[in-house]
């Protein structure tokens, strides 16, 4: 491990808006599960979660645009989360935080009905492991239990195969597709998803890759 990374990991321990519970804590009962609003954010605002948030640019951008909501970015890499935490600290953003955890453990972090909106931004497309894709049925089932009725899921990706896979999942399981495009920046769509770009997204755009985007609501029956 480099000296710089060691310094970042030590600094991560000082951030009040970075939680690193570890699996033993999660499995025994994460204290904030069911209590995010009361014990952490100290308000009743809707909770929006970004899965695989990386350096946190999207979580931070959304939090700045929507002070009326609370935002939680989840990623397993502490080195990535350090950047997001530094930004939140520097800008004194009080409606965003980060959790170092596996996306598989999202149901140990939140209770049923606690999430109002879910963002999946540039996930690993897992070309050889469909069951590991963040829009695979086993993950969708987790989200279904955790989200409020008519909660919205967003997917933003540069991988067309992954995008098509998700569209097929939505159709096969009778979810409600709200909007989709294979070329976000030529679609005319004007929303947060078009205004906020991560470091990696900017790299893809410089290589002239098209960005796919969709939003849908889960079939709760």
Protein backbone atom coordinates (compact mmCIF):
# COMPACT_ATOMS: atom_id res chain seq x y z
CA UNK A 1 0.00 0.00 0.00
CA UNK A 2 1.32 3.43 -0.92
CA UNK A 3 1.99 6.10 1.67
CA UNK A 4 -0.71 8.30 0.14
CA UNK A 5 -3.32 5.56 0.39
CA UNK A 6 -2.38 4.86 4.02
CA UNK A 7 -2.87 8.54 4.83
CA UNK A 8 -6.27 8.51 3.13
CA UNK A 9 -7.38 5.41 5.05
CA UNK A 10 -6.39 7.02 8.33
CA UNK A 11 -8.23 10.19 7.40
CA UNK A 12 -11.30 8.12 6.55
CA UNK A 13 -11.51 7.21 10.23
CA UNK A 14 -12.03 10.88 11.12
CA UNK A 15 -14.92 11.65 8.75
CA UNK A 16 -18.27 11.83 10.59
CA UNK A 17 -20.07 11.30 7.27
CA UNK A 18 -18.27 8.03 6.42
CA UNK A 19 -19.52 4.83 8.03
CA UNK A 20 -17.50 1.60 7.86
CA UNK A 21 -19.55 -0.87 9.88
CA UNK A 22 -18.00 -4.18 8.76
CA UNK A 23 -19.91 -7.41 8.22
CA UNK A 24 -20.03 -8.53 11.92
CA UNK A 25 -21.80 -5.28 12.82
CA UNK A 26 -24.16 -5.54 9.86
CA UNK A 27 -25.15 -9.12 10.55
CA UNK A 28 -25.68 -8.50 14.27
CA UNK A 29 -27.87 -5.47 13.65
CA UNK A 30 -26.66 -2.20 12.12
CA UNK A 31 -27.83 0.58 14.50
CA UNK A 32 -28.86 3.00 11.75
CA UNK A 33 -31.04 0.46 9.94
CA UNK A 34 -34.57 1.91 10.27
CA UNK A 35 -33.07 4.95 12.00
CA UNK A 36 -31.25 6.94 9.29
CA UNK A 37 -33.61 9.89 9.49
CA UNK A 38 -33.92 10.03 13.26
CA UNK A 39 -30.37 9.28 14.33
CA UNK A 40 -28.16 10.43 11.46
CA UNK A 41 -29.80 13.11 9.29
CA UNK A 42 -32.09 14.40 12.07
CA UNK A 43 -34.94 15.10 9.65
CA UNK A 44 -37.75 13.34 7.81
CA UNK A 45 -36.53 13.90 4.25
CA UNK A 46 -36.66 11.06 1.69
CA UNK A 47 -33.56 8.88 1.46
CA UNK A 48 -31.84 8.45 -1.91
CA UNK A 49 -29.15 5.77 -2.30
CA UNK A 50 -26.41 5.44 -4.92
CA UNK A 51 -24.95 1.94 -5.30
CA UNK A 52 -21.29 1.66 -6.29
CA UNK A 53 -20.81 5.41 -5.89
CA UNK A 54 -17.05 5.37 -6.54
CA UNK A 55 -15.54 8.76 -5.73
CA UNK A 56 -18.96 10.12 -4.86
CA UNK A 57 -19.34 12.80 -7.53
CA UNK A 58 -22.92 11.83 -8.29
CA UNK A 59 -23.99 11.55 -4.65
CA UNK A 60 -22.46 14.94 -3.91
CA UNK A 61 -23.96 16.54 -7.01
CA UNK A 62 -27.44 15.27 -6.20
CA UNK A 63 -27.14 16.44 -2.59
CA UNK A 64 -26.22 19.93 -3.75
CA UNK A 65 -29.17 20.05 -6.14
CA UNK A 66 -31.69 18.67 -3.65
CA UNK A 67 -31.34 19.92 -0.06
CA UNK A 68 -34.85 18.55 0.54
CA UNK A 69 -33.54 14.97 0.30
CA UNK A 70 -30.89 12.86 2.07
CA UNK A 71 -28.26 11.04 -0.01
CA UNK A 72 -26.20 7.96 0.84
CA UNK A 73 -23.43 6.65 -1.42
CA UNK A 74 -22.31 3.04 -1.01
CA UNK A 75 -19.03 1.57 -2.23
CA UNK A 76 -16.64 -1.12 -1.05
CA UNK A 77 -13.45 0.84 -1.80
CA UNK A 78 -12.25 3.15 0.97
CA UNK A 79 -9.76 4.86 -1.32
CA UNK A 80 -12.57 5.94 -3.63
CA UNK A 81 -14.81 7.10 -0.82
CA UNK A 82 -12.06 9.32 0.59
CA UNK A 83 -12.52 11.72 -2.34
CA UNK A 84 -16.26 12.02 -1.80
CA UNK A 85 -15.80 12.56 1.92
CA UNK A 86 -13.25 15.31 1.37
CA UNK A 87 -15.71 17.06 -0.95
CA UNK A 88 -18.61 16.77 1.49
CA UNK A 89 -16.40 18.06 4.29
CA UNK A 90 -14.99 20.94 2.24
CA UNK A 91 -18.39 22.10 0.99
CA UNK A 92 -20.06 21.49 4.38
CA UNK A 93 -22.82 19.39 2.84
CA UNK A 94 -25.08 18.06 5.59
CA UNK A 95 -27.48 15.94 3.55
CA UNK A 96 -24.98 13.41 2.17
CA UNK A 97 -22.90 10.60 3.63
CA UNK A 98 -21.08 7.46 2.51
CA UNK A 99 -21.00 3.85 3.64
CA UNK A 100 -18.15 1.46 2.95
CA UNK A 101 -19.92 -1.84 2.32
CA UNK A 102 -20.72 -4.39 -0.34
CA UNK A 103 -23.82 -3.69 -2.41
CA UNK A 104 -24.90 -7.25 -1.57
CA UNK A 105 -25.40 -6.06 2.00
CA UNK A 106 -27.77 -3.21 1.16
CA UNK A 107 -30.60 -5.06 2.92
CA UNK A 108 -28.53 -5.05 6.12
CA UNK A 109 -28.12 -1.27 5.92
CA UNK A 110 -31.75 -0.34 5.33
CA UNK A 111 -35.14 -1.58 6.45
CA UNK A 112 -38.25 -2.12 4.28
CA UNK A 113 -39.65 1.12 2.90
CA UNK A 114 -36.65 3.22 3.95
CA UNK A 115 -35.37 4.09 0.45
CA UNK A 116 -37.33 6.42 -1.82
CA UNK A 117 -35.00 6.46 -4.82
CA UNK A 118 -32.09 4.34 -6.04
CA UNK A 119 -29.27 5.22 -8.45
CA UNK A 120 -26.99 2.70 -10.18
CA UNK A 121 -24.26 4.60 -12.00
CA UNK A 122 -21.71 2.93 -14.26
CA UNK A 123 -21.72 -0.44 -12.49
CA UNK A 124 -19.41 -3.29 -13.38
CA UNK A 125 -21.32 -4.92 -16.28
CA UNK A 126 -20.24 -8.42 -15.18
CA UNK A 127 -20.30 -9.82 -18.75
CA UNK A 128 -19.70 -13.41 -17.60
CA UNK A 129 -21.69 -13.36 -14.35
CA UNK A 130 -25.28 -12.26 -14.93
CA UNK A 131 -26.23 -13.02 -11.35
CA UNK A 132 -23.71 -10.41 -10.16
CA UNK A 133 -25.21 -7.61 -12.21
CA UNK A 134 -26.82 -4.93 -10.05
CA UNK A 135 -30.06 -5.22 -12.01
CA UNK A 136 -30.19 -9.02 -11.83
CA UNK A 137 -33.43 -10.41 -10.32
CA UNK A 138 -31.76 -11.27 -6.99
CA UNK A 139 -30.76 -7.63 -6.52
CA UNK A 140 -34.10 -6.34 -7.78
CA UNK A 141 -35.78 -8.44 -5.11
CA UNK A 142 -33.66 -6.73 -2.43
CA UNK A 143 -34.56 -3.30 -3.78
CA UNK A 144 -38.25 -4.21 -3.96
CA UNK A 145 -38.30 -4.88 -0.23
CA UNK A 146 -36.38 -1.74 0.71
CA UNK A 147 -38.05 0.88 -1.46
CA UNK A 148 -41.21 2.85 -0.88
CA UNK A 149 -44.14 2.10 -3.21
CA UNK A 150 -43.58 3.77 -6.61
CA UNK A 151 -39.96 4.53 -5.71
CA UNK A 152 -37.82 5.20 -8.77
CA UNK A 153 -34.68 3.34 -9.86
CA UNK A 154 -32.17 4.95 -12.23
CA UNK A 155 -29.47 3.29 -14.32
CA UNK A 156 -26.70 5.21 -16.07
CA UNK A 157 -24.12 3.19 -18.00
CA UNK A 158 -21.82 3.19 -21.00
CA UNK A 159 -22.27 -0.57 -21.52
CA UNK A 160 -24.95 -1.27 -24.14
CA UNK A 161 -25.13 -5.01 -23.37
CA UNK A 162 -25.76 -4.31 -19.70
CA UNK A 163 -28.37 -1.71 -20.65
CA UNK A 164 -30.20 -4.14 -22.93
CA UNK A 165 -30.05 -6.80 -20.23
CA UNK A 166 -31.75 -4.40 -17.80
CA UNK A 167 -34.43 -3.45 -20.32
CA UNK A 168 -35.18 -7.15 -20.76
CA UNK A 169 -35.40 -7.68 -16.99
CA UNK A 170 -37.85 -4.77 -16.74
CA UNK A 171 -40.03 -6.25 -19.48
CA UNK A 172 -39.88 -9.86 -18.29
CA UNK A 173 -40.79 -9.00 -14.71
CA UNK A 174 -43.43 -6.42 -15.63
CA UNK A 175 -41.73 -3.45 -14.01
CA UNK A 176 -42.79 0.00 -15.19
CA UNK A 177 -40.30 1.63 -17.55
CA UNK A 178 -40.62 5.40 -17.17
CA UNK A 179 -38.00 6.60 -19.64
CA UNK A 180 -34.96 5.29 -21.51
CA UNK A 181 -32.40 6.34 -24.08
CA UNK A 182 -29.30 4.83 -25.63
CA UNK A 183 -27.75 8.28 -26.10
CA UNK A 184 -28.44 10.56 -23.14
CA UNK A 185 -26.67 13.65 -24.39
CA UNK A 186 -28.45 13.64 -27.73
CA UNK A 187 -31.84 12.79 -26.29
CA UNK A 188 -32.76 16.28 -25.15
CA UNK A 189 -33.29 15.02 -21.60
CA UNK A 190 -32.72 17.82 -19.11
CA UNK A 191 -32.36 16.51 -15.58
CA UNK A 192 -29.85 15.74 -12.84
CA UNK A 193 -28.56 12.73 -14.73
CA UNK A 194 -27.46 14.94 -17.62
CA UNK A 195 -26.01 17.73 -15.50
CA UNK A 196 -23.91 15.66 -13.10
CA UNK A 197 -20.93 13.71 -14.46
CA UNK A 198 -18.39 11.56 -12.66
CA UNK A 199 -14.68 11.43 -13.39
CA UNK A 200 -15.05 8.15 -15.25
CA UNK A 201 -18.06 9.31 -17.23
CA UNK A 202 -16.07 12.26 -18.52
CA UNK A 203 -13.40 9.80 -19.65
CA UNK A 204 -15.98 7.79 -21.61
CA UNK A 205 -17.36 10.93 -23.20
CA UNK A 206 -13.88 12.03 -24.28
CA UNK A 207 -13.62 8.67 -26.05
CA UNK A 208 -16.97 9.45 -27.72
CA UNK A 209 -18.82 6.65 -25.99
CA UNK A 210 -22.58 7.03 -25.77
CA UNK A 211 -24.18 7.09 -22.35
CA UNK A 212 -27.33 5.05 -21.78
CA UNK A 213 -29.91 6.00 -19.16
CA UNK A 214 -33.22 4.64 -17.94
CA UNK A 215 -35.58 5.00 -15.01
CA UNK A 216 -38.21 2.56 -13.85
CA UNK A 217 -40.50 1.60 -11.00
CA UNK A 218 -40.74 -1.87 -9.53
CA UNK A 219 -43.65 -4.24 -9.87
CA UNK A 220 -44.58 -4.77 -6.23
CA UNK A 221 -47.19 -7.47 -6.79
